[in-house]
N, C-alpha and C. Protein backbone atom coordinates (compact mmCIF):
# COMPACT_ATOMS: atom_id res chain seq x y z
N UNK A 1 119.87 80.27 117.63
CA UNK A 1 119.93 81.48 117.07
C UNK A 1 120.34 82.56 117.78
N UNK A 2 121.43 83.07 116.90
CA UNK A 2 122.16 83.90 117.56
C UNK A 2 121.55 85.44 116.95
N UNK A 3 120.93 85.97 118.45
CA UNK A 3 120.43 87.20 118.18
C UNK A 3 121.42 88.38 118.77
N UNK A 4 121.66 89.47 117.94
CA UNK A 4 122.42 90.47 118.49
C UNK A 4 121.52 91.75 118.25
N UNK A 5 121.83 92.33 119.45
CA UNK A 5 121.07 93.39 119.72
C UNK A 5 121.65 94.67 119.19
N UNK A 6 121.01 95.66 118.00
CA UNK A 6 121.56 96.95 117.49
C UNK A 6 121.31 98.13 118.09
N UNK A 7 119.89 98.28 118.56
CA UNK A 7 119.59 99.38 119.29
C UNK A 7 118.19 98.89 120.14
N UNK A 8 117.57 99.68 121.04
CA UNK A 8 116.71 99.45 121.98
C UNK A 8 115.65 98.62 121.31
N UNK A 9 115.05 98.77 120.37
CA UNK A 9 114.24 98.03 119.30
C UNK A 9 114.04 97.69 118.27
N UNK A 10 115.49 96.99 118.08
CA UNK A 10 115.91 96.34 116.72
C UNK A 10 117.25 95.57 116.88
N UNK A 11 116.89 94.26 116.71
CA UNK A 11 117.75 93.22 116.85
C UNK A 11 118.11 92.30 115.36
N UNK A 12 119.21 91.95 115.18
CA UNK A 12 119.53 90.98 113.90
C UNK A 12 119.67 89.49 114.33
N UNK A 13 119.59 88.55 113.44
CA UNK A 13 119.89 87.48 113.68
C UNK A 13 120.30 86.49 112.22
N UNK A 14 120.88 85.63 112.15
CA UNK A 14 121.03 84.65 111.26
C UNK A 14 119.87 84.19 110.63
N UNK A 15 119.74 83.26 109.65
CA UNK A 15 118.77 82.69 109.30
C UNK A 15 117.77 81.85 110.41
N UNK A 16 116.32 82.27 110.55
CA UNK A 16 115.75 81.52 111.29
C UNK A 16 115.09 80.66 110.78
N UNK A 17 114.60 79.77 111.63
CA UNK A 17 113.44 78.57 111.46
C UNK A 17 112.15 78.75 111.78
N UNK A 18 110.75 78.21 111.10
CA UNK A 18 109.66 78.29 111.53
C UNK A 18 109.37 78.08 112.83
N UNK A 19 110.23 76.87 113.48
CA UNK A 19 110.30 77.03 114.99
C UNK A 19 110.76 77.75 115.85
N UNK A 20 111.95 78.66 115.05
CA UNK A 20 112.15 79.79 115.97
C UNK A 20 111.40 80.71 116.53
N UNK A 21 110.38 81.01 115.77
CA UNK A 21 108.98 82.23 115.56
C UNK A 21 108.66 82.03 116.90
N UNK A 22 108.28 80.78 117.27
CA UNK A 22 107.64 80.61 118.73
C UNK A 22 108.50 81.38 120.17
N UNK A 23 109.74 81.15 119.73
CA UNK A 23 110.69 81.34 120.59
C UNK A 23 110.74 83.12 120.62
N UNK A 24 111.05 83.72 119.58
CA UNK A 24 110.92 84.79 119.22
C UNK A 24 109.56 85.59 120.10
N UNK A 25 108.25 85.19 119.52
CA UNK A 25 107.09 85.34 120.14
C UNK A 25 106.86 85.41 121.69
N UNK A 26 107.68 84.43 122.49
CA UNK A 26 108.07 84.39 123.77
C UNK A 26 109.07 85.36 124.56
N UNK A 27 109.78 85.61 123.77
CA UNK A 27 110.95 86.58 123.67
C UNK A 27 110.39 88.24 123.71
N UNK A 28 109.22 88.43 123.18
CA UNK A 28 108.36 89.71 123.06
C UNK A 28 108.73 90.52 121.98
N UNK A 29 109.59 89.67 121.38
CA UNK A 29 109.11 90.16 119.36
C UNK A 29 107.88 90.20 119.08
N UNK A 30 107.36 91.50 118.33
CA UNK A 30 106.29 91.95 118.09
C UNK A 30 106.31 92.14 116.49
N UNK A 31 107.59 92.01 116.02
CA UNK A 31 107.45 92.19 114.36
C UNK A 31 109.09 91.60 113.68
N UNK A 32 108.97 90.66 112.67
CA UNK A 32 110.13 90.18 112.10
C UNK A 32 109.91 90.72 110.90
N UNK A 33 111.19 90.86 110.31
CA UNK A 33 111.61 91.41 109.15
C UNK A 33 112.53 90.67 107.97
N UNK A 34 112.33 90.04 106.96
CA UNK A 34 113.18 88.96 106.26
C UNK A 34 113.64 90.00 105.30
N UNK A 35 115.28 90.17 105.39
CA UNK A 35 115.96 90.58 104.55
C UNK A 35 116.72 89.67 103.58
N UNK A 36 116.38 88.19 103.42
CA UNK A 36 116.92 87.12 102.81
C UNK A 36 115.87 86.94 101.59
N UNK A 37 116.70 86.91 100.54
CA UNK A 37 115.70 86.20 99.45
C UNK A 37 115.38 84.64 99.63
N UNK A 38 114.44 84.59 99.15
CA UNK A 38 114.01 82.91 99.10
C UNK A 38 114.93 82.28 98.13
N UNK A 39 115.33 81.07 98.40
CA UNK A 39 116.07 80.24 97.54
C UNK A 39 117.76 80.58 97.38
N UNK A 40 118.11 81.46 98.67
CA UNK A 40 119.63 81.66 98.22
C UNK A 40 120.40 80.49 98.74
N UNK A 41 119.91 79.29 99.50
CA UNK A 41 120.25 78.41 99.70
C UNK A 41 119.44 77.15 100.06
N UNK A 42 119.96 75.78 99.30
CA UNK A 42 118.97 75.09 99.44
C UNK A 42 118.29 74.60 100.46
N UNK A 43 119.39 74.59 102.15
CA UNK A 43 118.59 74.34 103.17
C UNK A 43 117.83 75.67 103.99
N UNK A 44 117.71 76.59 103.10
CA UNK A 44 116.64 77.76 103.80
C UNK A 44 115.30 77.46 103.71
N UNK A 45 114.77 77.74 104.73
CA UNK A 45 112.90 77.58 105.01
C UNK A 45 112.65 78.93 104.06
N UNK A 46 111.50 78.72 103.19
CA UNK A 46 110.98 79.59 102.58
C UNK A 46 110.53 80.59 103.66
N UNK A 47 110.23 81.92 102.94
CA UNK A 47 109.79 83.06 103.54
C UNK A 47 107.88 82.56 104.05
N UNK A 48 107.28 82.15 103.12
CA UNK A 48 106.04 81.85 103.51
C UNK A 48 106.08 80.87 104.64
N UNK A 49 106.87 79.71 104.59
CA UNK A 49 106.74 78.92 106.01
C UNK A 49 106.68 79.94 107.55
N UNK A 50 107.74 80.87 107.02
CA UNK A 50 108.04 81.81 108.45
C UNK A 50 106.98 82.29 108.62
N UNK A 51 106.47 83.08 107.42
CA UNK A 51 105.20 83.90 107.65
C UNK A 51 104.06 82.93 108.35
N UNK A 52 103.82 81.81 107.87
CA UNK A 52 102.98 81.43 108.33
C UNK A 52 102.53 80.95 109.74
N UNK A 53 103.65 80.73 110.60
CA UNK A 53 103.96 80.21 111.60
C UNK A 53 103.74 81.68 112.47
N UNK A 54 104.40 83.05 111.83
CA UNK A 54 104.37 83.97 112.68
C UNK A 54 102.86 84.63 112.72
N UNK A 55 102.27 84.63 111.71
CA UNK A 55 100.74 84.85 111.58
C UNK A 55 100.02 84.48 112.64
N UNK A 56 100.39 83.18 112.90
CA UNK A 56 99.64 82.19 113.88
C UNK A 56 100.06 82.70 115.13
N UNK A 57 101.17 83.34 115.25
CA UNK A 57 101.90 83.50 116.97
C UNK A 57 101.41 85.18 117.16
N UNK A 58 100.76 85.44 115.90
CA UNK A 58 100.34 86.92 116.00
C UNK A 58 101.49 87.83 116.04
N UNK A 59 102.20 87.79 115.45
CA UNK A 59 103.71 88.49 114.97
C UNK A 59 103.53 89.18 113.86
N UNK A 60 103.70 90.57 113.37
CA UNK A 60 103.60 91.05 112.27
C UNK A 60 104.98 90.33 111.16
N UNK A 61 104.76 90.47 110.12
CA UNK A 61 106.07 89.75 109.38
C UNK A 61 106.24 90.50 108.15
N UNK A 62 107.34 91.26 107.62
CA UNK A 62 107.59 91.74 106.27
C UNK A 62 108.55 91.30 105.59
N UNK A 63 108.39 91.22 104.03
CA UNK A 63 109.50 90.74 103.35
C UNK A 63 110.25 91.66 102.73
N UNK A 64 111.39 92.22 102.76
CA UNK A 64 112.21 92.89 102.29
C UNK A 64 113.55 92.30 101.98
N UNK A 65 113.46 91.57 100.89
CA UNK A 65 114.92 90.70 100.45
C UNK A 65 115.66 91.68 99.92
N UNK A 66 116.98 91.50 100.33
CA UNK A 66 118.01 92.17 99.99
C UNK A 66 119.09 90.67 99.25
N UNK A 67 119.39 91.46 98.01
CA UNK A 67 120.37 90.45 97.58
C UNK A 67 121.67 90.87 97.74
N UNK A 68 122.36 89.85 98.58
CA UNK A 68 124.12 90.13 98.92
C UNK A 68 124.79 90.59 97.91
N UNK A 69 125.45 91.77 98.44
CA UNK A 69 126.30 92.76 98.01
C UNK A 69 125.66 93.52 96.76
N UNK A 70 124.27 93.65 96.80
CA UNK A 70 123.49 94.41 95.77
C UNK A 70 122.35 95.50 96.13
N UNK A 71 122.75 95.75 97.48
CA UNK A 71 121.82 96.74 98.07
C UNK A 71 121.24 97.88 97.31
N UNK A 72 120.05 98.21 97.00
CA UNK A 72 119.39 99.54 96.23
C UNK A 72 118.75 100.59 97.12
N UNK A 73 118.58 101.61 96.74
CA UNK A 73 118.00 102.52 96.94
C UNK A 73 116.31 102.19 97.53
N UNK A 74 115.67 100.95 96.37
CA UNK A 74 114.57 100.57 96.47
C UNK A 74 114.48 99.82 97.94
N UNK A 75 115.43 98.77 98.15
CA UNK A 75 115.51 98.08 99.56
C UNK A 75 115.43 99.22 100.76
N UNK A 76 116.13 99.86 100.44
CA UNK A 76 116.22 101.00 101.78
C UNK A 76 114.89 101.47 101.92
N UNK A 77 114.07 102.03 100.85
CA UNK A 77 113.08 102.71 101.07
C UNK A 77 112.12 101.56 101.45
N UNK A 78 112.19 100.44 101.17
CA UNK A 78 110.95 99.35 101.62
C UNK A 78 111.27 98.93 103.04
N UNK A 79 112.68 99.04 103.47
CA UNK A 79 112.89 98.80 104.86
C UNK A 79 112.62 99.93 105.76
N UNK A 80 112.97 101.13 105.35
CA UNK A 80 112.12 102.24 106.00
C UNK A 80 110.69 102.31 106.19
N UNK A 81 109.95 101.75 104.97
CA UNK A 81 108.36 101.72 105.31
C UNK A 81 108.06 100.59 106.31
N UNK A 82 108.91 99.54 106.34
CA UNK A 82 108.66 98.57 107.02
C UNK A 82 108.61 98.79 108.46
N UNK A 83 109.73 99.45 108.81
CA UNK A 83 110.46 99.69 110.02
C UNK A 83 109.44 101.21 110.46
N UNK A 84 109.06 101.72 109.53
CA UNK A 84 107.78 102.93 110.16
C UNK A 84 106.73 102.07 110.46
N UNK A 85 105.98 100.79 109.94
CA UNK A 85 105.02 100.27 110.27
C UNK A 85 105.15 99.40 111.57
N UNK A 86 106.23 98.91 111.31
CA UNK A 86 106.50 97.55 112.43
C UNK A 86 106.39 98.25 114.22
N UNK A 87 105.12 97.63 114.85
CA UNK A 87 105.70 97.74 116.21
C UNK A 87 107.16 97.11 116.58
N UNK A 88 107.70 97.65 117.68
CA UNK A 88 108.94 96.65 118.46
C UNK A 88 108.39 96.17 119.45
N UNK A 89 109.45 95.43 119.56
CA UNK A 89 110.92 95.26 119.19
C UNK A 89 110.89 94.57 118.12
N UNK A 90 111.92 94.67 117.13
CA UNK A 90 111.76 94.09 115.84
C UNK A 90 113.07 93.26 115.88
N UNK A 91 112.60 91.87 115.04
CA UNK A 91 113.93 91.10 114.55
C UNK A 91 114.33 91.18 113.25
N UNK A 92 115.07 91.29 112.50
CA UNK A 92 115.33 91.23 111.36
C UNK A 92 116.46 90.18 111.07
N UNK A 93 116.13 89.46 109.92
CA UNK A 93 117.08 88.34 109.77
C UNK A 93 117.46 88.34 108.29
N UNK A 94 118.64 87.59 107.85
CA UNK A 94 118.99 87.43 106.56
C UNK A 94 120.08 86.29 106.69
N UNK A 95 121.04 85.80 106.04
CA UNK A 95 121.91 84.60 106.10
C UNK A 95 122.69 84.64 107.39
N UNK A 96 123.38 85.77 107.66
CA UNK A 96 124.52 86.21 108.75
C UNK A 96 124.10 87.06 109.64
N UNK A 97 122.90 87.77 109.42
CA UNK A 97 122.78 88.91 110.01
C UNK A 97 123.24 90.81 109.64
N UNK A 98 124.33 90.45 108.94
CA UNK A 98 125.23 91.49 108.49
C UNK A 98 124.20 92.27 107.26
N UNK A 99 123.55 91.81 106.31
CA UNK A 99 122.72 92.53 105.39
C UNK A 99 121.47 93.35 106.70
N UNK A 100 120.80 92.51 107.35
CA UNK A 100 120.00 93.56 108.31
C UNK A 100 120.45 94.37 108.98
N UNK A 101 121.77 94.19 109.40
CA UNK A 101 122.48 95.18 110.30
C UNK A 101 122.81 96.26 109.46
N UNK A 102 123.18 95.91 107.97
CA UNK A 102 123.36 97.15 107.09
C UNK A 102 122.41 98.09 106.65
N UNK A 103 121.49 97.57 106.24
CA UNK A 103 120.44 98.04 106.02
C UNK A 103 119.78 99.17 106.65
N UNK A 104 119.46 98.54 108.06
CA UNK A 104 119.03 99.16 109.29
C UNK A 104 120.16 100.72 109.33
N UNK A 105 121.29 100.51 109.41
CA UNK A 105 122.05 101.35 109.50
C UNK A 105 122.17 102.66 108.47
N UNK A 106 121.62 102.20 107.03
CA UNK A 106 121.65 102.98 106.24
C UNK A 106 120.20 104.11 106.03
N UNK A 107 118.90 103.09 106.67
CA UNK A 107 117.46 103.84 107.09
C UNK A 107 117.96 104.81 107.82
N UNK A 108 118.53 104.87 108.99
CA UNK A 108 118.83 105.41 110.21
C UNK A 108 119.82 106.75 109.87
N UNK A 109 120.41 106.44 108.99
CA UNK A 109 121.44 107.89 108.33
C UNK A 109 120.54 108.45 107.75
N UNK A 110 119.92 107.61 106.40
CA UNK A 110 118.93 108.73 105.72
C UNK A 110 117.81 109.34 106.41
N UNK A 111 117.32 108.81 107.61
CA UNK A 111 116.30 109.77 108.29
C UNK A 111 116.84 110.82 109.15
N UNK A 112 118.26 110.77 109.21
CA UNK A 112 119.00 111.81 109.71
C UNK A 112 119.04 111.83 111.26
C-alpha cells in the first residue's frame, strides 16, 4: 500500500484490500473514503467488503465514487460532506490515488 500524505490530516493511496484496513487502523487512521466505483476492474474488492472490515475495526467509512475522467460538482459536494463529518486522519483511495488527490484539492479550493 503506497500512502501519500497530502496534508496533515489527509492522505491518499491506490486501491486497498480488506486486509489493509487493519494496518490503517494500526497506523491511526479514523476515516476511509472510497473514491473508486465498484466494478472498475475485475481484481478490485467491492466497497462492501472493505466497509465490513472497517466497521469491525471502528473506522468510519464513506463511499464517494468518482468515475475516472468524469468528476462532477455532485461528487465534489459529496466529498465535502464526507470530509466535514470525518474524524481525521483520513485516508482516501481510488485506483491510483489521483482522483482522491484531485477531488480533495477541488474541495479545498471551493472552501476558499
